[in-house]
Amino acid sequence: MSLDTVRLSQPARDQLVRLKRTTGIKHWNVLCRWALAMSLRDPSTPLVKDITTDSNVEMSWRTFAGSYGDIYLALLKQRCATDGEPLTDESINQTLIVHLHRGIGYLAGNKEIRTIRELVGTTSD
C-alpha cells in the first residue's frame, strides 16, 4: 500500500506559512508531521471530509514521512480500522488528508505556539 503525493488546500498552506514564520521551522513536512500527529491523537472523527487540495504545496510521501514512513502508514491504517474505514489506498489517503488538515488547524489555532519550544510543549497535554 503506498501513498504517492501529499497535497494541501490553500487555507492550510496559508496557515503553514504563518506557522513557519512564527516558529522558525523552515520545512513544510516537519510542520505537517506535527499536525498529523496532533490530529491522530484526538479520538474524535474530523468533521470536514471534503477538502479541496488546491494549493501549490505538495510533497512526495517520502518527503512528508521521511525515514518514519512505515510508522506513519501504520498509524493511518490503525486510525482507519478504529474509525471503521476499509484499509484501501483511497481510505488511507483520505484519512491522511482530513487528519493533516485538522492538525494544521489545531496548530494554527493555538496562538501560544510562537516558537519550536512552544510547539514541543503541546505534546505534554
N, C-alpha and C. Protein backbone atom coordinates (compact mmCIF):
# COMPACT_ATOMS: atom_id res chain seq x y z
N MET A 1 0.85 -1.16 0.00
CA MET A 1 0.00 0.00 0.00
C MET A 1 0.90 1.23 0.00
N SER A 2 0.64 2.16 -0.89
CA SER A 2 1.52 3.31 -0.95
C SER A 2 0.73 4.60 -1.12
N LEU A 3 1.30 5.64 -0.63
CA LEU A 3 0.80 6.99 -0.84
C LEU A 3 1.82 7.67 -1.73
N ASP A 4 1.37 8.38 -2.72
CA ASP A 4 2.32 9.00 -3.64
C ASP A 4 2.63 10.44 -3.28
N THR A 5 1.61 11.27 -3.29
CA THR A 5 1.80 12.70 -3.13
C THR A 5 0.85 13.24 -2.06
N VAL A 6 1.37 14.10 -1.21
CA VAL A 6 0.57 14.76 -0.19
C VAL A 6 0.35 16.19 -0.67
N ARG A 7 -0.92 16.57 -0.81
CA ARG A 7 -1.27 17.91 -1.27
C ARG A 7 -2.08 18.62 -0.20
N LEU A 8 -1.95 19.95 -0.19
CA LEU A 8 -2.64 20.76 0.80
C LEU A 8 -3.63 21.72 0.16
N SER A 9 -4.61 22.12 0.93
CA SER A 9 -5.55 23.15 0.49
C SER A 9 -4.90 24.52 0.63
N GLN A 10 -5.47 25.50 -0.01
CA GLN A 10 -4.95 26.86 0.09
C GLN A 10 -5.05 27.40 1.52
N PRO A 11 -6.17 27.19 2.22
CA PRO A 11 -6.21 27.67 3.62
C PRO A 11 -5.15 27.00 4.50
N ALA A 12 -4.89 25.70 4.29
CA ALA A 12 -3.85 25.02 5.06
C ALA A 12 -2.48 25.58 4.73
N ARG A 13 -2.25 25.86 3.47
CA ARG A 13 -0.99 26.47 3.06
C ARG A 13 -0.80 27.81 3.76
N ASP A 14 -1.83 28.63 3.78
CA ASP A 14 -1.74 29.94 4.43
C ASP A 14 -1.45 29.81 5.92
N GLN A 15 -2.08 28.83 6.56
CA GLN A 15 -1.83 28.60 7.98
C GLN A 15 -0.39 28.14 8.21
N LEU A 16 0.12 27.28 7.33
CA LEU A 16 1.50 26.81 7.46
C LEU A 16 2.51 27.94 7.22
N VAL A 17 2.20 28.84 6.31
CA VAL A 17 3.09 29.98 6.08
C VAL A 17 3.23 30.78 7.37
N ARG A 18 2.12 31.02 8.05
CA ARG A 18 2.16 31.76 9.31
C ARG A 18 2.94 30.97 10.37
N LEU A 19 2.69 29.67 10.45
CA LEU A 19 3.41 28.84 11.42
C LEU A 19 4.91 28.80 11.14
N LYS A 20 5.28 28.72 9.88
CA LYS A 20 6.71 28.74 9.53
C LYS A 20 7.34 30.04 9.98
N ARG A 21 6.64 31.13 9.77
CA ARG A 21 7.16 32.44 10.15
C ARG A 21 7.28 32.58 11.67
N THR A 22 6.28 32.15 12.40
CA THR A 22 6.29 32.35 13.85
C THR A 22 7.19 31.36 14.58
N THR A 23 7.27 30.13 14.12
CA THR A 23 8.08 29.13 14.83
C THR A 23 9.53 29.09 14.35
N GLY A 24 9.76 29.52 13.14
CA GLY A 24 11.10 29.41 12.57
C GLY A 24 11.38 28.06 11.94
N ILE A 25 10.39 27.18 11.93
CA ILE A 25 10.54 25.88 11.28
C ILE A 25 10.48 26.11 9.77
N LYS A 26 11.49 25.67 9.06
CA LYS A 26 11.64 26.03 7.66
C LYS A 26 10.94 25.11 6.66
N HIS A 27 10.64 23.89 7.06
CA HIS A 27 10.16 22.91 6.10
C HIS A 27 8.70 22.55 6.34
N TRP A 28 7.95 22.49 5.25
CA TRP A 28 6.53 22.14 5.31
C TRP A 28 6.34 20.78 5.97
N ASN A 29 7.17 19.82 5.57
CA ASN A 29 6.96 18.44 6.02
C ASN A 29 7.09 18.30 7.53
N VAL A 30 7.94 19.08 8.15
CA VAL A 30 8.10 18.99 9.60
C VAL A 30 6.82 19.45 10.29
N LEU A 31 6.29 20.58 9.86
CA LEU A 31 5.04 21.06 10.45
C LEU A 31 3.88 20.11 10.15
N CYS A 32 3.88 19.55 8.96
CA CYS A 32 2.81 18.61 8.59
C CYS A 32 2.87 17.35 9.43
N ARG A 33 4.05 16.87 9.76
CA ARG A 33 4.17 15.69 10.63
C ARG A 33 3.59 15.99 12.01
N TRP A 34 3.91 17.16 12.54
CA TRP A 34 3.36 17.56 13.85
C TRP A 34 1.84 17.63 13.76
N ALA A 35 1.35 18.22 12.68
CA ALA A 35 -0.10 18.38 12.51
C ALA A 35 -0.80 17.03 12.46
N LEU A 36 -0.24 16.10 11.69
CA LEU A 36 -0.85 14.78 11.59
C LEU A 36 -0.87 14.09 12.95
N ALA A 37 0.24 14.15 13.66
CA ALA A 37 0.30 13.50 14.97
C ALA A 37 -0.70 14.12 15.95
N MET A 38 -0.86 15.43 15.91
CA MET A 38 -1.81 16.09 16.81
C MET A 38 -3.24 15.64 16.51
N SER A 39 -3.57 15.55 15.24
CA SER A 39 -4.92 15.15 14.89
C SER A 39 -5.18 13.68 15.20
N LEU A 40 -4.21 12.82 14.92
CA LEU A 40 -4.40 11.39 15.17
C LEU A 40 -4.56 11.09 16.66
N ARG A 41 -3.96 11.90 17.51
CA ARG A 41 -4.10 11.64 18.94
C ARG A 41 -5.47 12.05 19.48
N ASP A 42 -6.21 12.84 18.73
CA ASP A 42 -7.57 13.22 19.10
C ASP A 42 -8.49 12.07 18.68
N PRO A 43 -9.20 11.44 19.62
CA PRO A 43 -10.01 10.28 19.27
C PRO A 43 -11.27 10.60 18.45
N SER A 44 -11.66 11.85 18.38
CA SER A 44 -12.86 12.19 17.62
C SER A 44 -12.58 12.12 16.12
N THR A 45 -13.65 11.96 15.36
CA THR A 45 -13.55 11.92 13.91
C THR A 45 -13.56 13.34 13.37
N PRO A 46 -12.66 13.68 12.44
CA PRO A 46 -12.69 15.03 11.87
C PRO A 46 -14.04 15.31 11.23
N LEU A 47 -14.53 16.53 11.43
CA LEU A 47 -15.84 16.89 10.90
C LEU A 47 -15.82 17.12 9.40
N VAL A 48 -14.75 17.72 8.91
CA VAL A 48 -14.66 18.04 7.49
C VAL A 48 -14.11 16.84 6.74
N LYS A 49 -14.86 16.37 5.78
CA LYS A 49 -14.43 15.20 4.99
C LYS A 49 -14.06 15.56 3.56
N ASP A 50 -14.58 16.70 3.08
CA ASP A 50 -14.35 17.09 1.69
C ASP A 50 -13.39 18.28 1.66
N ILE A 51 -12.15 18.01 1.34
CA ILE A 51 -11.12 19.05 1.33
C ILE A 51 -10.58 19.18 -0.09
N THR A 52 -10.57 20.41 -0.57
CA THR A 52 -10.04 20.68 -1.90
C THR A 52 -8.57 20.99 -1.78
N THR A 53 -7.74 20.13 -2.32
CA THR A 53 -6.29 20.31 -2.23
C THR A 53 -5.83 21.13 -3.43
N ASP A 54 -6.02 22.45 -3.31
CA ASP A 54 -5.84 23.35 -4.44
C ASP A 54 -4.64 24.29 -4.32
N SER A 55 -3.80 24.10 -3.34
CA SER A 55 -2.65 25.00 -3.22
C SER A 55 -1.48 24.49 -4.05
N ASN A 56 -0.41 25.28 -4.06
CA ASN A 56 0.78 24.86 -4.79
C ASN A 56 1.73 24.06 -3.89
N VAL A 57 1.27 23.71 -2.68
CA VAL A 57 2.11 22.93 -1.78
C VAL A 57 1.78 21.45 -1.95
N GLU A 58 2.77 20.72 -2.38
CA GLU A 58 2.67 19.27 -2.46
C GLU A 58 4.04 18.69 -2.23
N MET A 59 4.04 17.51 -1.67
CA MET A 59 5.30 16.82 -1.40
C MET A 59 5.08 15.33 -1.58
N SER A 60 6.14 14.65 -1.89
CA SER A 60 6.03 13.20 -2.01
C SER A 60 5.80 12.61 -0.63
N TRP A 61 5.25 11.42 -0.60
CA TRP A 61 5.07 10.72 0.67
C TRP A 61 6.42 10.56 1.37
N ARG A 62 7.44 10.25 0.59
CA ARG A 62 8.77 10.05 1.16
C ARG A 62 9.29 11.33 1.84
N THR A 63 9.04 12.48 1.21
CA THR A 63 9.44 13.76 1.82
C THR A 63 8.60 14.03 3.06
N PHE A 64 7.30 13.78 2.95
CA PHE A 64 6.41 14.02 4.10
C PHE A 64 6.83 13.15 5.29
N ALA A 65 6.96 11.86 5.08
CA ALA A 65 7.15 10.92 6.18
C ALA A 65 8.61 10.71 6.57
N GLY A 66 9.52 10.97 5.65
CA GLY A 66 10.93 10.74 5.94
C GLY A 66 11.20 9.28 6.23
N SER A 67 12.13 9.04 7.14
CA SER A 67 12.50 7.67 7.47
C SER A 67 11.45 6.95 8.31
N TYR A 68 10.41 7.68 8.70
CA TYR A 68 9.34 7.10 9.54
C TYR A 68 8.09 6.75 8.72
N GLY A 69 8.24 6.59 7.43
CA GLY A 69 7.12 6.31 6.56
C GLY A 69 6.29 5.10 6.99
N ASP A 70 6.97 4.03 7.38
CA ASP A 70 6.25 2.82 7.80
C ASP A 70 5.44 3.07 9.07
N ILE A 71 5.98 3.89 9.95
CA ILE A 71 5.27 4.20 11.19
C ILE A 71 4.04 5.05 10.90
N TYR A 72 4.21 6.09 10.08
CA TYR A 72 3.06 6.93 9.74
C TYR A 72 1.98 6.13 9.01
N LEU A 73 2.40 5.25 8.12
CA LEU A 73 1.44 4.41 7.40
C LEU A 73 0.70 3.50 8.37
N ALA A 74 1.42 2.93 9.31
CA ALA A 74 0.78 2.06 10.32
C ALA A 74 -0.21 2.85 11.17
N LEU A 75 0.15 4.08 11.53
CA LEU A 75 -0.77 4.92 12.31
C LEU A 75 -2.04 5.24 11.52
N LEU A 76 -1.87 5.52 10.23
CA LEU A 76 -3.04 5.79 9.39
C LEU A 76 -3.92 4.56 9.23
N LYS A 77 -3.31 3.40 9.06
CA LYS A 77 -4.07 2.16 8.95
C LYS A 77 -4.82 1.88 10.25
N GLN A 78 -4.15 2.09 11.37
CA GLN A 78 -4.79 1.88 12.67
C GLN A 78 -5.98 2.82 12.82
N ARG A 79 -5.82 4.06 12.42
CA ARG A 79 -6.92 5.02 12.54
C ARG A 79 -8.08 4.62 11.64
N CYS A 80 -7.78 4.16 10.44
CA CYS A 80 -8.85 3.67 9.55
C CYS A 80 -9.60 2.53 10.22
N ALA A 81 -8.88 1.59 10.78
CA ALA A 81 -9.51 0.44 11.45
C ALA A 81 -10.35 0.91 12.63
N THR A 82 -9.82 1.82 13.42
CA THR A 82 -10.54 2.35 14.58
C THR A 82 -11.83 3.04 14.16
N ASP A 83 -11.76 3.77 13.05
CA ASP A 83 -12.93 4.52 12.57
C ASP A 83 -13.86 3.68 11.70
N GLY A 84 -13.53 2.39 11.52
CA GLY A 84 -14.38 1.51 10.72
C GLY A 84 -14.25 1.72 9.23
N GLU A 85 -13.15 2.29 8.79
CA GLU A 85 -12.91 2.52 7.37
C GLU A 85 -12.18 1.31 6.78
N PRO A 86 -12.40 1.01 5.51
CA PRO A 86 -11.68 -0.09 4.89
C PRO A 86 -10.20 0.27 4.72
N LEU A 87 -9.35 -0.74 4.68
CA LEU A 87 -7.92 -0.49 4.50
C LEU A 87 -7.57 -0.48 3.02
N THR A 88 -8.11 0.50 2.32
CA THR A 88 -7.81 0.67 0.90
C THR A 88 -6.91 1.89 0.75
N ASP A 89 -6.24 1.97 -0.40
CA ASP A 89 -5.41 3.14 -0.67
C ASP A 89 -6.23 4.42 -0.55
N GLU A 90 -7.43 4.38 -1.08
CA GLU A 90 -8.29 5.57 -1.08
C GLU A 90 -8.65 6.01 0.34
N SER A 91 -9.06 5.07 1.18
CA SER A 91 -9.46 5.45 2.53
C SER A 91 -8.26 5.90 3.38
N ILE A 92 -7.12 5.27 3.17
CA ILE A 92 -5.92 5.68 3.90
C ILE A 92 -5.50 7.08 3.47
N ASN A 93 -5.54 7.35 2.17
CA ASN A 93 -5.20 8.68 1.67
C ASN A 93 -6.19 9.72 2.19
N GLN A 94 -7.47 9.39 2.21
CA GLN A 94 -8.49 10.31 2.73
C GLN A 94 -8.28 10.57 4.22
N THR A 95 -7.93 9.54 4.96
CA THR A 95 -7.65 9.70 6.39
C THR A 95 -6.45 10.62 6.59
N LEU A 96 -5.42 10.45 5.78
CA LEU A 96 -4.26 11.33 5.85
C LEU A 96 -4.68 12.78 5.61
N ILE A 97 -5.43 13.02 4.56
CA ILE A 97 -5.80 14.39 4.19
C ILE A 97 -6.65 15.05 5.27
N VAL A 98 -7.68 14.37 5.76
CA VAL A 98 -8.55 15.02 6.75
C VAL A 98 -7.83 15.23 8.08
N HIS A 99 -6.99 14.28 8.47
CA HIS A 99 -6.27 14.45 9.73
C HIS A 99 -5.15 15.48 9.60
N LEU A 100 -4.49 15.51 8.48
CA LEU A 100 -3.45 16.51 8.26
C LEU A 100 -4.05 17.91 8.32
N HIS A 101 -5.16 18.11 7.65
CA HIS A 101 -5.79 19.44 7.65
C HIS A 101 -6.35 19.81 9.02
N ARG A 102 -6.94 18.85 9.72
CA ARG A 102 -7.42 19.15 11.06
C ARG A 102 -6.24 19.52 11.96
N GLY A 103 -5.16 18.79 11.86
CA GLY A 103 -3.98 19.07 12.68
C GLY A 103 -3.37 20.44 12.37
N ILE A 104 -3.34 20.81 11.11
CA ILE A 104 -2.84 22.14 10.75
C ILE A 104 -3.74 23.20 11.38
N GLY A 105 -5.04 22.95 11.36
CA GLY A 105 -5.97 23.87 12.01
C GLY A 105 -5.71 23.96 13.51
N TYR A 106 -5.43 22.83 14.14
CA TYR A 106 -5.09 22.83 15.57
C TYR A 106 -3.85 23.68 15.84
N LEU A 107 -2.81 23.45 15.05
CA LEU A 107 -1.58 24.20 15.24
C LEU A 107 -1.79 25.70 15.01
N ALA A 108 -2.47 26.02 13.92
CA ALA A 108 -2.69 27.43 13.58
C ALA A 108 -3.61 28.11 14.58
N GLY A 109 -4.52 27.36 15.14
CA GLY A 109 -5.47 27.93 16.09
C GLY A 109 -4.91 28.14 17.48
N ASN A 110 -3.77 27.54 17.77
CA ASN A 110 -3.15 27.68 19.07
C ASN A 110 -2.21 28.89 19.04
N LYS A 111 -2.68 30.01 19.52
CA LYS A 111 -1.91 31.26 19.45
C LYS A 111 -0.72 31.26 20.40
N GLU A 112 -0.62 30.25 21.25
CA GLU A 112 0.53 30.15 22.16
C GLU A 112 1.74 29.50 21.50
N ILE A 113 1.57 28.99 20.29
CA ILE A 113 2.70 28.39 19.58
C ILE A 113 3.38 29.50 18.78
N ARG A 114 4.49 29.97 19.33
CA ARG A 114 5.26 31.02 18.67
C ARG A 114 6.71 30.60 18.45
N THR A 115 7.09 29.51 19.06
CA THR A 115 8.47 29.02 18.94
C THR A 115 8.45 27.50 18.84
N ILE A 116 9.59 26.94 18.49
CA ILE A 116 9.71 25.48 18.44
C ILE A 116 9.46 24.91 19.84
N ARG A 117 10.00 25.56 20.85
CA ARG A 117 9.83 25.09 22.23
C ARG A 117 8.34 25.02 22.59
N GLU A 118 7.57 26.02 22.20
CA GLU A 118 6.14 26.02 22.49
C GLU A 118 5.41 24.94 21.69
N LEU A 119 5.88 24.68 20.49
CA LEU A 119 5.31 23.59 19.70
C LEU A 119 5.56 22.25 20.39
N VAL A 120 6.78 22.03 20.81
CA VAL A 120 7.10 20.79 21.52
C VAL A 120 6.30 20.69 22.80
N GLY A 121 6.05 21.81 23.45
CA GLY A 121 5.27 21.83 24.69
C GLY A 121 3.84 21.37 24.51
N THR A 122 3.33 21.39 23.30
CA THR A 122 1.96 20.93 23.08
C THR A 122 1.82 19.43 23.26
N THR A 123 2.92 18.71 23.29
CA THR A 123 2.86 17.26 23.42
C THR A 123 2.69 16.80 24.87
N SER A 124 2.82 17.70 25.79
CA SER A 124 2.76 17.30 27.21
C SER A 124 1.35 17.29 27.77
N ASP A 125 0.36 17.56 26.95
CA ASP A 125 -1.04 17.55 27.44
C ASP A 125 -1.51 16.16 27.75
